[in-house]
Amino acid sequence: MDLILWRHADAGEPGEGLLDDDLQRPLTPRGEKQAKRMAEWLNRFLPDSTRILCSPALRTRQTADALGRKLRMVDALLPGASHSQALAAARWPDSREPVLLVGHQPMLGQLAAYLMAGASTLDAPAWAVRKGAVWWLRHRAREGGAEVVLVSVRTPEKL
């Protein structure tokens, strides 16, 4: 199973006028460009069968909308959600199709650390996932066991 983590692109800061509600913070013009660049890259490689799950926050919806694909809002990806909630929503590692999660830090960084460090790490510290970046992970069977492979890490600036 492929699990693709996409952090929302650059968004306005809390407390700037109408931005007091964290869930209503929109992308900045820079963020819109980041989302578009990353969406172009993702659309070249994502299979049509990819399930796209997105936090209901405005900035994540705007990021995911750049793909131009069908997506589903999932509360398990809201700020403050745990990496275990995100894994359950993705049906990791049993999903038959690839899953793209569009969400927030620190949860995406915790999720990457947890999966890459091994299942024995229950309280994994968050790894840094840059705004607009994608981490592509793959679960595969190997020699009677299972492993997680880091397929790719991309940032909008390095495409």
N, C-alpha and C. Protein backbone atom coordinates (compact mmCIF):
# COMPACT_ATOMS: atom_id res chain seq x y z
N MET A 1 0.84 -1.19 0.00
CA MET A 1 0.00 0.00 0.00
C MET A 1 0.88 1.24 0.00
N ASP A 2 0.53 2.19 -0.82
CA ASP A 2 1.21 3.48 -0.82
C ASP A 2 0.41 4.47 0.02
N LEU A 3 1.12 5.19 0.86
CA LEU A 3 0.53 6.25 1.68
C LEU A 3 1.30 7.52 1.37
N ILE A 4 0.59 8.50 0.86
CA ILE A 4 1.22 9.76 0.48
C ILE A 4 0.74 10.84 1.45
N LEU A 5 1.68 11.51 2.07
CA LEU A 5 1.39 12.57 3.04
C LEU A 5 1.66 13.91 2.37
N TRP A 6 0.67 14.79 2.38
CA TRP A 6 0.83 16.12 1.76
C TRP A 6 0.45 17.16 2.78
N ARG A 7 1.42 17.95 3.21
CA ARG A 7 1.14 19.05 4.13
C ARG A 7 0.58 20.21 3.33
N HIS A 8 -0.41 20.89 3.92
CA HIS A 8 -1.00 22.03 3.23
C HIS A 8 0.07 23.05 2.88
N ALA A 9 -0.18 23.80 1.83
CA ALA A 9 0.73 24.83 1.38
C ALA A 9 0.67 26.05 2.32
N ASP A 10 1.50 27.04 2.03
CA ASP A 10 1.62 28.23 2.87
C ASP A 10 0.27 28.92 3.04
N ALA A 11 -0.06 29.24 4.30
CA ALA A 11 -1.35 29.87 4.63
C ALA A 11 -1.12 31.11 5.48
N GLY A 12 -2.14 31.95 5.52
CA GLY A 12 -2.09 33.14 6.36
C GLY A 12 -1.91 32.76 7.83
N GLU A 13 -1.35 33.66 8.59
CA GLU A 13 -1.10 33.41 10.01
C GLU A 13 -2.35 33.69 10.84
N PRO A 14 -2.54 32.96 11.94
CA PRO A 14 -3.68 33.23 12.82
C PRO A 14 -3.61 34.65 13.38
N GLY A 15 -4.77 35.24 13.59
CA GLY A 15 -4.82 36.56 14.19
C GLY A 15 -4.77 37.70 13.19
N GLU A 16 -4.66 37.40 11.89
CA GLU A 16 -4.64 38.45 10.87
C GLU A 16 -6.06 38.72 10.39
N GLY A 17 -6.75 39.65 11.04
CA GLY A 17 -8.11 40.01 10.63
C GLY A 17 -9.08 38.87 10.79
N LEU A 18 -9.59 38.34 9.68
CA LEU A 18 -10.57 37.26 9.71
C LEU A 18 -9.94 35.90 10.00
N LEU A 19 -8.65 35.87 10.24
CA LEU A 19 -7.95 34.60 10.40
C LEU A 19 -7.90 34.12 11.84
N ASP A 20 -8.76 34.67 12.70
CA ASP A 20 -8.78 34.23 14.09
C ASP A 20 -9.22 32.77 14.20
N ASP A 21 -10.06 32.31 13.29
CA ASP A 21 -10.50 30.93 13.28
C ASP A 21 -9.46 30.12 12.50
N ASP A 22 -8.70 29.29 13.20
CA ASP A 22 -7.61 28.53 12.58
C ASP A 22 -8.09 27.71 11.39
N LEU A 23 -9.28 27.15 11.46
CA LEU A 23 -9.78 26.30 10.38
C LEU A 23 -10.17 27.08 9.13
N GLN A 24 -10.26 28.41 9.23
CA GLN A 24 -10.66 29.23 8.09
C GLN A 24 -9.49 30.00 7.46
N ARG A 25 -8.26 29.66 7.83
CA ARG A 25 -7.11 30.34 7.25
C ARG A 25 -6.91 29.90 5.80
N PRO A 26 -6.94 30.83 4.84
CA PRO A 26 -6.76 30.46 3.43
C PRO A 26 -5.28 30.41 3.05
N LEU A 27 -5.03 29.84 1.90
CA LEU A 27 -3.67 29.85 1.36
C LEU A 27 -3.29 31.28 0.97
N THR A 28 -2.02 31.57 1.08
CA THR A 28 -1.48 32.83 0.57
C THR A 28 -1.26 32.68 -0.93
N PRO A 29 -0.98 33.77 -1.65
CA PRO A 29 -0.63 33.62 -3.07
C PRO A 29 0.56 32.66 -3.27
N ARG A 30 1.52 32.72 -2.37
CA ARG A 30 2.65 31.78 -2.43
C ARG A 30 2.15 30.35 -2.24
N GLY A 31 1.24 30.14 -1.29
CA GLY A 31 0.67 28.83 -1.05
C GLY A 31 -0.10 28.29 -2.23
N GLU A 32 -0.81 29.17 -2.93
CA GLU A 32 -1.55 28.74 -4.12
C GLU A 32 -0.58 28.23 -5.19
N LYS A 33 0.56 28.91 -5.34
CA LYS A 33 1.57 28.47 -6.31
C LYS A 33 2.18 27.14 -5.88
N GLN A 34 2.47 27.01 -4.57
CA GLN A 34 3.02 25.75 -4.06
C GLN A 34 2.07 24.59 -4.33
N ALA A 35 0.79 24.80 -4.02
CA ALA A 35 -0.21 23.74 -4.21
C ALA A 35 -0.30 23.35 -5.68
N LYS A 36 -0.30 24.32 -6.55
CA LYS A 36 -0.40 24.04 -7.99
C LYS A 36 0.80 23.25 -8.47
N ARG A 37 1.99 23.65 -8.07
CA ARG A 37 3.22 22.94 -8.50
C ARG A 37 3.22 21.50 -8.02
N MET A 38 2.86 21.32 -6.74
CA MET A 38 2.87 19.96 -6.19
C MET A 38 1.77 19.12 -6.82
N ALA A 39 0.61 19.71 -7.06
CA ALA A 39 -0.49 18.98 -7.69
C ALA A 39 -0.09 18.51 -9.09
N GLU A 40 0.61 19.35 -9.84
CA GLU A 40 1.06 18.94 -11.17
C GLU A 40 1.98 17.73 -11.07
N TRP A 41 2.89 17.74 -10.10
CA TRP A 41 3.80 16.61 -9.91
C TRP A 41 3.02 15.36 -9.49
N LEU A 42 2.14 15.51 -8.50
CA LEU A 42 1.35 14.37 -8.02
C LEU A 42 0.50 13.77 -9.13
N ASN A 43 -0.14 14.60 -9.92
CA ASN A 43 -1.01 14.09 -10.98
C ASN A 43 -0.25 13.29 -12.04
N ARG A 44 1.05 13.48 -12.13
CA ARG A 44 1.85 12.66 -13.05
C ARG A 44 2.05 11.25 -12.51
N PHE A 45 2.02 11.08 -11.18
CA PHE A 45 2.39 9.80 -10.58
C PHE A 45 1.28 9.08 -9.81
N LEU A 46 0.28 9.80 -9.35
CA LEU A 46 -0.79 9.16 -8.58
C LEU A 46 -1.68 8.31 -9.49
N PRO A 47 -1.90 7.07 -9.11
CA PRO A 47 -2.86 6.25 -9.87
C PRO A 47 -4.27 6.85 -9.77
N ASP A 48 -5.09 6.59 -10.78
CA ASP A 48 -6.47 7.08 -10.77
C ASP A 48 -7.25 6.55 -9.58
N SER A 49 -6.86 5.38 -9.07
CA SER A 49 -7.58 4.74 -7.95
C SER A 49 -7.23 5.33 -6.58
N THR A 50 -6.35 6.31 -6.53
CA THR A 50 -5.93 6.88 -5.25
C THR A 50 -7.11 7.50 -4.50
N ARG A 51 -7.27 7.11 -3.23
CA ARG A 51 -8.27 7.74 -2.36
C ARG A 51 -7.62 8.97 -1.76
N ILE A 52 -8.30 10.10 -1.84
CA ILE A 52 -7.77 11.36 -1.31
C ILE A 52 -8.60 11.76 -0.11
N LEU A 53 -7.94 11.82 1.05
CA LEU A 53 -8.57 12.21 2.30
C LEU A 53 -7.96 13.53 2.74
N CYS A 54 -8.81 14.46 3.15
CA CYS A 54 -8.37 15.82 3.41
C CYS A 54 -8.95 16.33 4.72
N SER A 55 -8.15 17.06 5.46
CA SER A 55 -8.65 17.78 6.63
C SER A 55 -9.69 18.79 6.17
N PRO A 56 -10.74 19.02 6.98
CA PRO A 56 -11.75 20.01 6.61
C PRO A 56 -11.27 21.48 6.70
N ALA A 57 -10.07 21.73 7.20
CA ALA A 57 -9.57 23.10 7.29
C ALA A 57 -9.45 23.70 5.89
N LEU A 58 -9.77 24.98 5.75
CA LEU A 58 -9.78 25.65 4.46
C LEU A 58 -8.45 25.51 3.72
N ARG A 59 -7.33 25.70 4.40
CA ARG A 59 -6.02 25.66 3.74
C ARG A 59 -5.70 24.29 3.17
N THR A 60 -6.16 23.22 3.82
CA THR A 60 -5.93 21.88 3.28
C THR A 60 -6.87 21.61 2.11
N ARG A 61 -8.10 22.08 2.21
CA ARG A 61 -9.05 21.90 1.10
C ARG A 61 -8.53 22.62 -0.15
N GLN A 62 -8.04 23.85 0.04
CA GLN A 62 -7.51 24.60 -1.10
C GLN A 62 -6.29 23.90 -1.70
N THR A 63 -5.44 23.35 -0.85
CA THR A 63 -4.27 22.61 -1.32
C THR A 63 -4.71 21.41 -2.14
N ALA A 64 -5.61 20.60 -1.59
CA ALA A 64 -6.07 19.39 -2.27
C ALA A 64 -6.86 19.71 -3.54
N ASP A 65 -7.60 20.80 -3.54
CA ASP A 65 -8.39 21.17 -4.72
C ASP A 65 -7.51 21.41 -5.94
N ALA A 66 -6.24 21.75 -5.72
CA ALA A 66 -5.33 21.97 -6.84
C ALA A 66 -5.16 20.71 -7.69
N LEU A 67 -5.43 19.54 -7.11
CA LEU A 67 -5.33 18.28 -7.86
C LEU A 67 -6.44 18.15 -8.90
N GLY A 68 -7.59 18.74 -8.63
CA GLY A 68 -8.72 18.60 -9.54
C GLY A 68 -9.33 17.21 -9.50
N ARG A 69 -9.22 16.53 -8.36
CA ARG A 69 -9.75 15.18 -8.21
C ARG A 69 -10.78 15.14 -7.09
N LYS A 70 -11.55 14.08 -7.08
CA LYS A 70 -12.53 13.85 -6.02
C LYS A 70 -11.79 13.59 -4.71
N LEU A 71 -12.29 14.20 -3.63
CA LEU A 71 -11.67 13.99 -2.32
C LEU A 71 -12.75 13.90 -1.26
N ARG A 72 -12.35 13.42 -0.10
CA ARG A 72 -13.28 13.29 1.02
C ARG A 72 -12.69 13.98 2.24
N MET A 73 -13.51 14.81 2.90
CA MET A 73 -13.09 15.48 4.13
C MET A 73 -13.17 14.48 5.29
N VAL A 74 -12.13 14.50 6.13
CA VAL A 74 -12.04 13.55 7.22
C VAL A 74 -11.60 14.28 8.48
N ASP A 75 -12.44 14.25 9.52
CA ASP A 75 -12.10 14.92 10.78
C ASP A 75 -10.84 14.34 11.42
N ALA A 76 -10.49 13.10 11.11
CA ALA A 76 -9.29 12.48 11.67
C ALA A 76 -8.01 13.16 11.19
N LEU A 77 -8.12 14.13 10.27
CA LEU A 77 -6.95 14.85 9.78
C LEU A 77 -6.93 16.31 10.24
N LEU A 78 -7.89 16.71 11.07
CA LEU A 78 -7.92 18.08 11.59
C LEU A 78 -6.70 18.35 12.47
N PRO A 79 -6.32 19.63 12.64
CA PRO A 79 -5.25 19.94 13.58
C PRO A 79 -5.59 19.36 14.95
N GLY A 80 -4.59 18.77 15.58
CA GLY A 80 -4.78 18.16 16.89
C GLY A 80 -5.11 16.68 16.83
N ALA A 81 -5.40 16.16 15.64
CA ALA A 81 -5.67 14.73 15.51
C ALA A 81 -4.35 13.96 15.69
N SER A 82 -4.47 12.70 16.04
CA SER A 82 -3.28 11.87 16.25
C SER A 82 -2.93 11.10 14.99
N HIS A 83 -1.69 10.66 14.93
CA HIS A 83 -1.27 9.87 13.78
C HIS A 83 -2.01 8.54 13.73
N SER A 84 -2.43 8.00 14.87
CA SER A 84 -3.19 6.75 14.86
C SER A 84 -4.58 6.96 14.26
N GLN A 85 -5.19 8.12 14.48
CA GLN A 85 -6.48 8.43 13.85
C GLN A 85 -6.32 8.51 12.33
N ALA A 86 -5.24 9.13 11.88
CA ALA A 86 -4.98 9.26 10.44
C ALA A 86 -4.76 7.88 9.82
N LEU A 87 -4.01 7.02 10.49
CA LEU A 87 -3.77 5.68 9.97
C LEU A 87 -5.06 4.88 9.87
N ALA A 88 -5.93 5.04 10.86
CA ALA A 88 -7.21 4.34 10.82
C ALA A 88 -8.06 4.84 9.64
N ALA A 89 -8.07 6.14 9.41
CA ALA A 89 -8.84 6.70 8.29
C ALA A 89 -8.29 6.19 6.95
N ALA A 90 -6.98 6.03 6.87
CA ALA A 90 -6.34 5.55 5.63
C ALA A 90 -6.46 4.04 5.47
N ARG A 91 -6.85 3.35 6.52
CA ARG A 91 -6.89 1.88 6.56
C ARG A 91 -5.51 1.28 6.30
N TRP A 92 -4.52 1.89 6.92
CA TRP A 92 -3.12 1.45 6.83
C TRP A 92 -2.93 0.17 7.60
N PRO A 93 -2.23 -0.80 7.11
CA PRO A 93 -1.62 -0.93 5.78
C PRO A 93 -2.47 -1.79 4.83
N ASP A 94 -3.74 -1.95 5.15
CA ASP A 94 -4.58 -2.92 4.44
C ASP A 94 -5.36 -2.37 3.25
N SER A 95 -5.32 -1.09 3.01
CA SER A 95 -6.07 -0.53 1.89
C SER A 95 -5.55 -1.11 0.57
N ARG A 96 -6.46 -1.39 -0.32
CA ARG A 96 -6.06 -1.94 -1.62
C ARG A 96 -5.55 -0.87 -2.56
N GLU A 97 -6.00 0.36 -2.37
CA GLU A 97 -5.59 1.44 -3.26
C GLU A 97 -4.66 2.40 -2.51
N PRO A 98 -3.86 3.18 -3.25
CA PRO A 98 -3.04 4.20 -2.60
C PRO A 98 -3.94 5.23 -1.91
N VAL A 99 -3.41 5.83 -0.85
CA VAL A 99 -4.16 6.84 -0.10
C VAL A 99 -3.29 8.09 0.04
N LEU A 100 -3.87 9.23 -0.31
CA LEU A 100 -3.23 10.53 -0.14
C LEU A 100 -3.91 11.24 1.02
N LEU A 101 -3.13 11.59 2.05
CA LEU A 101 -3.64 12.34 3.20
C LEU A 101 -3.16 13.78 3.09
N VAL A 102 -4.09 14.72 3.09
CA VAL A 102 -3.74 16.14 3.03
C VAL A 102 -4.04 16.71 4.41
N GLY A 103 -2.98 17.08 5.14
CA GLY A 103 -3.17 17.48 6.52
C GLY A 103 -2.16 18.49 7.03
N HIS A 104 -1.87 18.36 8.32
CA HIS A 104 -1.15 19.39 9.08
C HIS A 104 0.03 18.81 9.85
N GLN A 105 0.92 19.72 10.23
CA GLN A 105 1.93 19.44 11.23
C GLN A 105 1.30 19.70 12.59
N PRO A 106 1.70 19.04 13.66
CA PRO A 106 2.77 18.05 13.69
C PRO A 106 2.33 16.62 13.35
N MET A 107 1.04 16.41 13.11
CA MET A 107 0.55 15.05 12.92
C MET A 107 1.22 14.34 11.75
N LEU A 108 1.40 15.01 10.59
CA LEU A 108 2.03 14.34 9.45
C LEU A 108 3.47 13.95 9.78
N GLY A 109 4.18 14.82 10.49
CA GLY A 109 5.54 14.50 10.90
C GLY A 109 5.59 13.37 11.91
N GLN A 110 4.62 13.31 12.80
CA GLN A 110 4.54 12.19 13.75
C GLN A 110 4.24 10.89 13.00
N LEU A 111 3.38 10.97 12.03
CA LEU A 111 3.02 9.81 11.23
C LEU A 111 4.23 9.28 10.47
N ALA A 112 4.97 10.16 9.82
CA ALA A 112 6.17 9.74 9.09
C ALA A 112 7.19 9.12 10.04
N ALA A 113 7.41 9.73 11.18
CA ALA A 113 8.37 9.20 12.16
C ALA A 113 7.92 7.85 12.68
N TYR A 114 6.66 7.73 12.98
CA TYR A 114 6.12 6.48 13.50
C TYR A 114 6.30 5.34 12.49
N LEU A 115 5.93 5.59 11.23
CA LEU A 115 6.02 4.54 10.22
C LEU A 115 7.46 4.21 9.86
N MET A 116 8.32 5.20 9.79
CA MET A 116 9.71 4.95 9.39
C MET A 116 10.56 4.41 10.54
N ALA A 117 10.19 4.75 11.79
CA ALA A 117 10.97 4.30 12.94
C ALA A 117 10.55 2.91 13.40
N GLY A 118 9.38 2.45 12.99
CA GLY A 118 8.93 1.12 13.38
C GLY A 118 7.78 1.18 14.35
N ALA A 119 6.97 0.14 14.34
CA ALA A 119 5.74 0.09 15.14
C ALA A 119 5.98 0.11 16.64
N SER A 120 7.21 -0.12 17.09
CA SER A 120 7.46 -0.12 18.53
C SER A 120 7.52 1.28 19.12
N THR A 121 7.56 2.32 18.28
CA THR A 121 7.62 3.70 18.76
C THR A 121 6.22 4.27 18.80
N LEU A 122 5.61 4.27 20.00
CA LEU A 122 4.23 4.73 20.12
C LEU A 122 4.10 6.24 20.20
N ASP A 123 5.06 6.90 20.80
CA ASP A 123 5.01 8.36 20.93
C ASP A 123 6.14 8.99 20.13
N ALA A 124 6.14 8.74 18.84
CA ALA A 124 7.21 9.23 17.98
C ALA A 124 7.20 10.75 17.94
N PRO A 125 8.38 11.37 18.03
CA PRO A 125 8.44 12.83 17.86
C PRO A 125 8.13 13.19 16.41
N ALA A 126 7.66 14.40 16.20
CA ALA A 126 7.31 14.85 14.86
C ALA A 126 8.57 15.14 14.05
N TRP A 127 8.64 14.62 12.85
CA TRP A 127 9.67 14.99 11.91
C TRP A 127 9.19 16.23 11.17
N ALA A 128 10.11 17.01 10.67
CA ALA A 128 9.75 18.24 9.97
C ALA A 128 9.23 17.93 8.57
N VAL A 129 8.01 18.32 8.30
CA VAL A 129 7.42 18.23 6.97
C VAL A 129 7.12 19.66 6.55
N ARG A 130 7.82 20.13 5.53
CA ARG A 130 7.69 21.51 5.09
C ARG A 130 6.32 21.79 4.49
N LYS A 131 5.92 23.05 4.54
CA LYS A 131 4.63 23.45 3.94
C LYS A 131 4.62 23.11 2.45
N GLY A 132 3.55 22.45 2.02
CA GLY A 132 3.40 22.08 0.63
C GLY A 132 4.13 20.81 0.23
N ALA A 133 4.90 20.20 1.15
CA ALA A 133 5.71 19.03 0.82
C ALA A 133 4.90 17.75 0.79
N VAL A 134 5.43 16.79 0.04
CA VAL A 134 4.86 15.44 -0.05
C VAL A 134 5.89 14.43 0.39
N TRP A 135 5.44 13.50 1.22
CA TRP A 135 6.24 12.32 1.61
C TRP A 135 5.48 11.11 1.11
N TRP A 136 6.11 10.30 0.28
CA TRP A 136 5.48 9.13 -0.32
C TRP A 136 6.08 7.89 0.33
N LEU A 137 5.24 7.15 1.05
CA LEU A 137 5.67 5.95 1.77
C LEU A 137 5.00 4.72 1.16
N ARG A 138 5.69 3.59 1.26
CA ARG A 138 5.13 2.34 0.72
C ARG A 138 5.31 1.22 1.75
N HIS A 139 4.22 0.52 2.01
CA HIS A 139 4.25 -0.67 2.87
C HIS A 139 4.39 -1.87 1.96
N ARG A 140 5.36 -2.73 2.26
CA ARG A 140 5.52 -3.92 1.43
C ARG A 140 5.96 -5.11 2.26
N ALA A 141 5.57 -6.29 1.79
CA ALA A 141 6.00 -7.54 2.42
C ALA A 141 7.44 -7.80 2.01
N ARG A 142 8.22 -8.28 2.96
CA ARG A 142 9.63 -8.54 2.67
C ARG A 142 10.14 -9.65 3.57
N GLU A 143 10.56 -10.74 2.98
CA GLU A 143 11.17 -11.86 3.71
C GLU A 143 10.35 -12.29 4.91
N GLY A 144 9.07 -12.51 4.68
CA GLY A 144 8.19 -12.98 5.74
C GLY A 144 7.72 -11.91 6.70
N GLY A 145 8.15 -10.69 6.53
CA GLY A 145 7.73 -9.59 7.40
C GLY A 145 7.18 -8.45 6.57
N ALA A 146 7.21 -7.29 7.14
CA ALA A 146 6.73 -6.10 6.45
C ALA A 146 7.69 -4.96 6.73
N GLU A 147 7.75 -4.03 5.79
CA GLU A 147 8.60 -2.86 5.99
C GLU A 147 7.96 -1.66 5.32
N VAL A 148 8.38 -0.49 5.76
CA VAL A 148 7.93 0.76 5.17
C VAL A 148 9.14 1.37 4.45
N VAL A 149 8.92 1.71 3.19
CA VAL A 149 9.97 2.28 2.36
C VAL A 149 9.61 3.72 2.03
N LEU A 150 10.58 4.59 2.14
CA LEU A 150 10.40 5.98 1.73
C LEU A 150 10.65 6.05 0.23
N VAL A 151 9.60 6.28 -0.54
CA VAL A 151 9.70 6.31 -2.00
C VAL A 151 10.21 7.66 -2.48
N SER A 152 9.68 8.74 -1.89
CA SER A 152 10.07 10.07 -2.35
C SER A 152 9.68 11.13 -1.33
N VAL A 153 10.46 12.18 -1.27
CA VAL A 153 10.12 13.39 -0.53
C VAL A 153 10.31 14.54 -1.50
N ARG A 154 9.27 15.34 -1.66
CA ARG A 154 9.33 16.48 -2.59
C ARG A 154 8.79 17.73 -1.90
N THR A 155 9.42 18.84 -2.21
CA THR A 155 8.91 20.14 -1.78
C THR A 155 8.58 20.93 -3.04
N PRO A 156 7.64 21.86 -2.96
CA PRO A 156 7.25 22.61 -4.16
C PRO A 156 8.43 23.38 -4.77
N GLU A 157 9.36 23.80 -3.94
CA GLU A 157 10.50 24.58 -4.44
C GLU A 157 11.51 23.72 -5.18
N LYS A 158 11.49 22.43 -4.98
CA LYS A 158 12.51 21.53 -5.57
C LYS A 158 11.95 20.65 -6.68
N LEU A 159 10.86 21.07 -7.31
CA LEU A 159 10.29 20.28 -8.42
C LEU A 159 10.86 20.74 -9.74
